[in-house]
């Protein structure tokens, strides 16, 4: 879906499986690895109903220490964000879905304004989006600076083979009008900040691959 004005993972992929989470606590230039939860898996939401399924209770280990607690919270926040974006893209004119998605962003950040504008464009154009059969994302790493435990960067790689289509009208022959169906994968850095809850403050794309899935394989439990 190359028509989006924001990066592919700022306009998210709805299906999720966690590959590998690595929490790095930096102090004096050093780092410490967190627990490997690569066996944790998420169940993607139904493309038709766009309703999130509950996460398996065994997705992540118990939050017995601050590092594991942050890992669990960011993983859950990232999944909630993707599921909310799936709902919003399926019905971009539904303000309940739009506001539900924007709740994942800091209110004062540029990201929220860009997403609102993008969804407004889709709604005004009569466009909507649905995920493709290969849609997925992988959380590759989670880093948090020791000096600021309430600011975390998640490295996420996602593949999107979904379709943006005209939901208002069809072609003269009755077929669906496809606006954009270019497969694309991207690696994006998500900056999460915590106040009352974790919210996205910024995103930055660092890699992209057009027409193919360039992300590492997902490990399923």
Protein backbone atom coordinates (compact mmCIF):
# COMPACT_ATOMS: atom_id res chain seq x y z
CA UNK A 1 0.00 0.00 0.00
CA UNK A 2 2.33 2.72 -1.17
CA UNK A 3 -0.29 5.46 -1.22
CA UNK A 4 0.11 6.22 2.48
CA UNK A 5 1.91 9.51 3.27
CA UNK A 6 3.36 8.05 6.45
CA UNK A 7 5.90 5.27 6.82
CA UNK A 8 4.56 1.73 6.44
CA UNK A 9 4.80 0.97 10.12
CA UNK A 10 3.34 4.30 11.07
CA UNK A 11 0.44 2.96 8.99
CA UNK A 12 0.55 -0.44 10.57
CA UNK A 13 0.29 -4.08 9.77
CA UNK A 14 -2.54 -5.76 11.55
CA UNK A 15 -1.26 -9.32 11.97
CA UNK A 16 1.35 -9.80 14.67
CA UNK A 17 3.83 -12.43 15.84
CA UNK A 18 6.65 -11.58 18.21
CA UNK A 19 9.99 -12.95 17.00
CA UNK A 20 12.48 -11.81 19.59
CA UNK A 21 12.51 -9.18 22.31
CA UNK A 22 15.78 -7.94 23.70
CA UNK A 23 15.74 -5.30 26.42
CA UNK A 24 18.96 -3.30 26.67
CA UNK A 25 19.53 -1.18 29.76
CA UNK A 26 22.37 1.23 28.94
CA UNK A 27 24.60 2.55 31.70
CA UNK A 28 28.06 4.09 31.26
CA UNK A 29 28.12 2.87 27.68
CA UNK A 30 27.30 -0.72 28.61
CA UNK A 31 24.19 -2.81 28.01
CA UNK A 32 22.44 -5.79 29.50
CA UNK A 33 20.21 -8.19 27.60
CA UNK A 34 16.72 -8.98 28.77
CA UNK A 35 14.85 -12.27 28.55
CA UNK A 36 14.32 -14.00 25.23
CA UNK A 37 10.59 -14.40 24.69
CA UNK A 38 10.81 -15.55 21.09
CA UNK A 39 8.41 -18.42 21.74
CA UNK A 40 5.64 -15.99 22.62
CA UNK A 41 3.14 -15.65 19.76
CA UNK A 42 0.23 -13.36 19.04
CA UNK A 43 -2.95 -14.31 17.27
CA UNK A 44 -3.77 -11.89 14.42
CA UNK A 45 -7.22 -10.36 14.28
CA UNK A 46 -9.72 -11.50 11.69
CA UNK A 47 -9.37 -9.48 8.50
CA UNK A 48 -13.10 -9.45 7.96
CA UNK A 49 -14.37 -8.61 11.43
CA UNK A 50 -11.38 -6.45 12.42
CA UNK A 51 -11.88 -7.48 16.06
CA UNK A 52 -8.75 -8.19 18.13
CA UNK A 53 -8.52 -11.65 19.62
CA UNK A 54 -7.19 -11.95 23.14
CA UNK A 55 -3.47 -12.55 23.52
CA UNK A 56 -2.39 -15.96 24.82
CA UNK A 57 -1.69 -15.88 28.54
CA UNK A 58 1.64 -17.63 27.91
CA UNK A 59 2.94 -15.07 25.41
CA UNK A 60 5.45 -13.61 27.85
CA UNK A 61 6.97 -14.63 31.18
CA UNK A 62 5.59 -13.23 34.42
CA UNK A 63 6.65 -9.65 35.18
CA UNK A 64 8.90 -10.58 38.11
CA UNK A 65 11.35 -7.69 37.60
CA UNK A 66 11.30 -4.16 36.09
CA UNK A 67 12.96 -5.25 32.84
CA UNK A 68 10.40 -7.97 32.19
CA UNK A 69 7.59 -5.62 33.18
CA UNK A 70 8.69 -3.07 30.57
CA UNK A 71 9.03 -5.81 27.97
CA UNK A 72 5.49 -7.01 28.62
CA UNK A 73 4.02 -3.51 28.63
CA UNK A 74 5.66 -2.42 25.37
CA UNK A 75 4.74 -5.68 23.64
CA UNK A 76 1.11 -5.30 24.71
CA UNK A 77 1.07 -1.60 23.70
CA UNK A 78 2.51 -2.40 20.27
CA UNK A 79 -0.09 -5.10 19.68
CA UNK A 80 -2.94 -2.87 20.83
CA UNK A 81 -1.69 -0.15 18.47
CA UNK A 82 -1.65 -2.49 15.46
CA UNK A 83 -5.06 -3.89 16.19
CA UNK A 84 -6.48 -0.37 16.64
CA UNK A 85 -4.97 0.67 13.34
CA UNK A 86 -6.56 -2.29 11.59
CA UNK A 87 -9.97 -1.20 12.85
CA UNK A 88 -9.36 2.43 11.83
CA UNK A 89 -8.17 1.56 8.32
CA UNK A 90 -11.14 -0.73 7.74
CA UNK A 91 -13.53 2.16 8.52
CA UNK A 92 -11.55 5.44 8.39
CA UNK A 93 -14.74 7.51 8.60
CA UNK A 94 -15.75 6.00 11.94
CA UNK A 95 -14.55 8.47 14.58
CA UNK A 96 -14.72 5.85 17.30
CA UNK A 97 -12.08 3.83 15.50
CA UNK A 98 -10.01 6.92 14.73
CA UNK A 99 -10.02 8.08 18.34
CA UNK A 100 -9.29 4.56 19.52
CA UNK A 101 -6.17 4.53 17.36
CA UNK A 102 -5.07 8.05 18.33
CA UNK A 103 -5.14 6.97 21.96
CA UNK A 104 -1.91 5.09 21.19
CA UNK A 105 -0.12 8.37 20.41
CA UNK A 106 1.04 11.28 22.54
CA UNK A 107 -1.47 14.10 22.10
CA UNK A 108 1.16 16.74 21.34
CA UNK A 109 3.22 14.65 18.91
CA UNK A 110 3.46 15.13 15.15
CA UNK A 111 2.67 11.45 14.66
CA UNK A 112 -0.90 11.83 15.89
CA UNK A 113 -1.53 14.79 13.58
CA UNK A 114 -0.15 12.91 10.58
CA UNK A 115 -2.25 9.83 11.29
CA UNK A 116 -5.42 11.88 11.74
CA UNK A 117 -4.77 13.64 8.43
CA UNK A 118 -4.09 10.33 6.64
CA UNK A 119 -7.29 8.74 7.91
CA UNK A 120 -9.19 11.90 7.01
CA UNK A 121 -7.87 11.65 3.47
CA UNK A 122 -8.98 8.02 3.21
CA UNK A 123 -12.45 8.84 4.55
CA UNK A 124 -12.92 11.86 2.27
CA UNK A 125 -11.83 9.81 -0.74
CA UNK A 126 -14.12 6.91 0.11
CA UNK A 127 -11.15 4.58 0.53
CA UNK A 128 -10.59 1.81 3.05
CA UNK A 129 -7.98 -0.88 3.58
CA UNK A 130 -7.83 -4.57 4.42
CA UNK A 131 -4.86 -6.76 5.32
CA UNK A 132 -3.34 -9.29 2.97
CA UNK A 133 -2.76 -12.97 3.77
CA UNK A 134 0.93 -12.38 4.48
CA UNK A 135 0.62 -9.37 6.76
CA UNK A 136 2.77 -9.70 9.86
CA UNK A 137 5.17 -7.83 12.08
CA UNK A 138 8.13 -8.83 14.20
CA UNK A 139 9.37 -6.95 17.25
CA UNK A 140 13.11 -7.41 16.87
CA UNK A 141 14.39 -5.43 19.82
CA UNK A 142 13.30 -3.21 22.67
CA UNK A 143 15.80 -0.72 24.08
CA UNK A 144 15.37 1.52 27.09
CA UNK A 145 17.92 4.04 28.35
CA UNK A 146 18.75 3.61 32.03
CA UNK A 147 18.65 7.39 32.49
CA UNK A 148 15.02 7.53 31.35
CA UNK A 149 13.08 4.32 32.11
CA UNK A 150 9.89 5.91 30.77
CA UNK A 151 11.24 6.26 27.22
CA UNK A 152 11.65 3.10 25.13
CA UNK A 153 12.57 2.40 21.50
CA UNK A 154 11.13 -0.69 19.80
CA UNK A 155 12.64 -1.93 16.54
CA UNK A 156 9.82 -3.44 14.48
CA UNK A 157 9.94 -5.05 11.06
CA UNK A 158 6.68 -5.57 9.23
CA UNK A 159 5.46 -6.93 5.92
CA UNK A 160 2.31 -5.48 4.37
CA UNK A 161 0.60 -7.08 1.36
CA UNK A 162 -2.74 -5.47 2.12
CA UNK A 163 -4.96 -3.50 -0.23
CA UNK A 164 -6.29 0.05 -0.24
CA UNK A 165 -9.54 0.00 -2.24
CA UNK A 166 -12.44 2.24 -3.17
CA UNK A 167 -15.17 1.45 -0.65
CA UNK A 168 -17.63 3.91 -2.18
CA UNK A 169 -17.92 2.67 -5.74
CA UNK A 170 -16.94 -0.17 -8.03
CA UNK A 171 -15.66 -0.35 -11.60
CA UNK A 172 -18.22 -0.41 -14.49
CA UNK A 173 -17.78 -4.17 -14.75
CA UNK A 174 -18.57 -4.55 -11.06
CA UNK A 175 -15.07 -5.34 -9.94
CA UNK A 176 -13.37 -3.71 -6.98
CA UNK A 177 -11.30 -0.60 -7.66
CA UNK A 178 -7.86 -1.15 -6.20
CA UNK A 179 -6.07 2.04 -5.21
CA UNK A 180 -2.83 0.47 -3.99
CA UNK A 181 -1.76 -3.15 -3.51
CA UNK A 182 2.04 -2.91 -3.69
CA UNK A 183 3.61 -5.31 -1.13
CA UNK A 184 6.11 -3.58 1.10
CA UNK A 185 8.18 -4.41 4.16
CA UNK A 186 9.82 -1.89 6.45
CA UNK A 187 11.91 -1.75 9.59
CA UNK A 188 10.82 1.11 11.83
CA UNK A 189 11.93 2.51 15.17
CA UNK A 190 9.01 3.29 17.48
CA UNK A 191 9.69 5.67 20.36
CA UNK A 192 7.32 4.94 23.24
CA UNK A 193 6.96 7.27 26.24
CA UNK A 194 5.08 6.58 29.45
CA UNK A 195 2.88 8.94 31.44
CA UNK A 196 -0.31 7.24 32.56
CA UNK A 197 0.29 4.59 29.90
CA UNK A 198 2.73 3.88 27.06
CA UNK A 199 2.15 6.01 23.94
CA UNK A 200 3.96 6.49 20.62
CA UNK A 201 5.84 9.78 20.46
CA UNK A 202 7.81 9.27 17.23
CA UNK A 203 8.55 6.76 14.46
CA UNK A 204 11.49 6.53 12.07
CA UNK A 205 11.87 4.17 9.11
CA UNK A 206 15.37 2.73 8.79
CA UNK A 207 14.96 0.03 6.08
CA UNK A 208 12.43 -0.84 3.38
CA UNK A 209 11.94 -3.49 0.73
CA UNK A 210 9.40 -2.96 -2.05
CA UNK A 211 7.57 -5.94 -3.52
CA UNK A 212 8.81 -8.52 -1.03
CA UNK A 213 8.97 -9.59 2.59
CA UNK A 214 12.40 -8.57 3.84
CA UNK A 215 11.73 -9.14 7.53
CA UNK A 216 13.26 -11.98 9.56
CA UNK A 217 11.14 -15.09 9.97
CA UNK A 218 8.69 -15.29 12.84
CA UNK A 219 9.09 -17.97 15.46
CA UNK A 220 5.82 -19.51 16.50
CA UNK A 221 5.38 -21.35 19.74
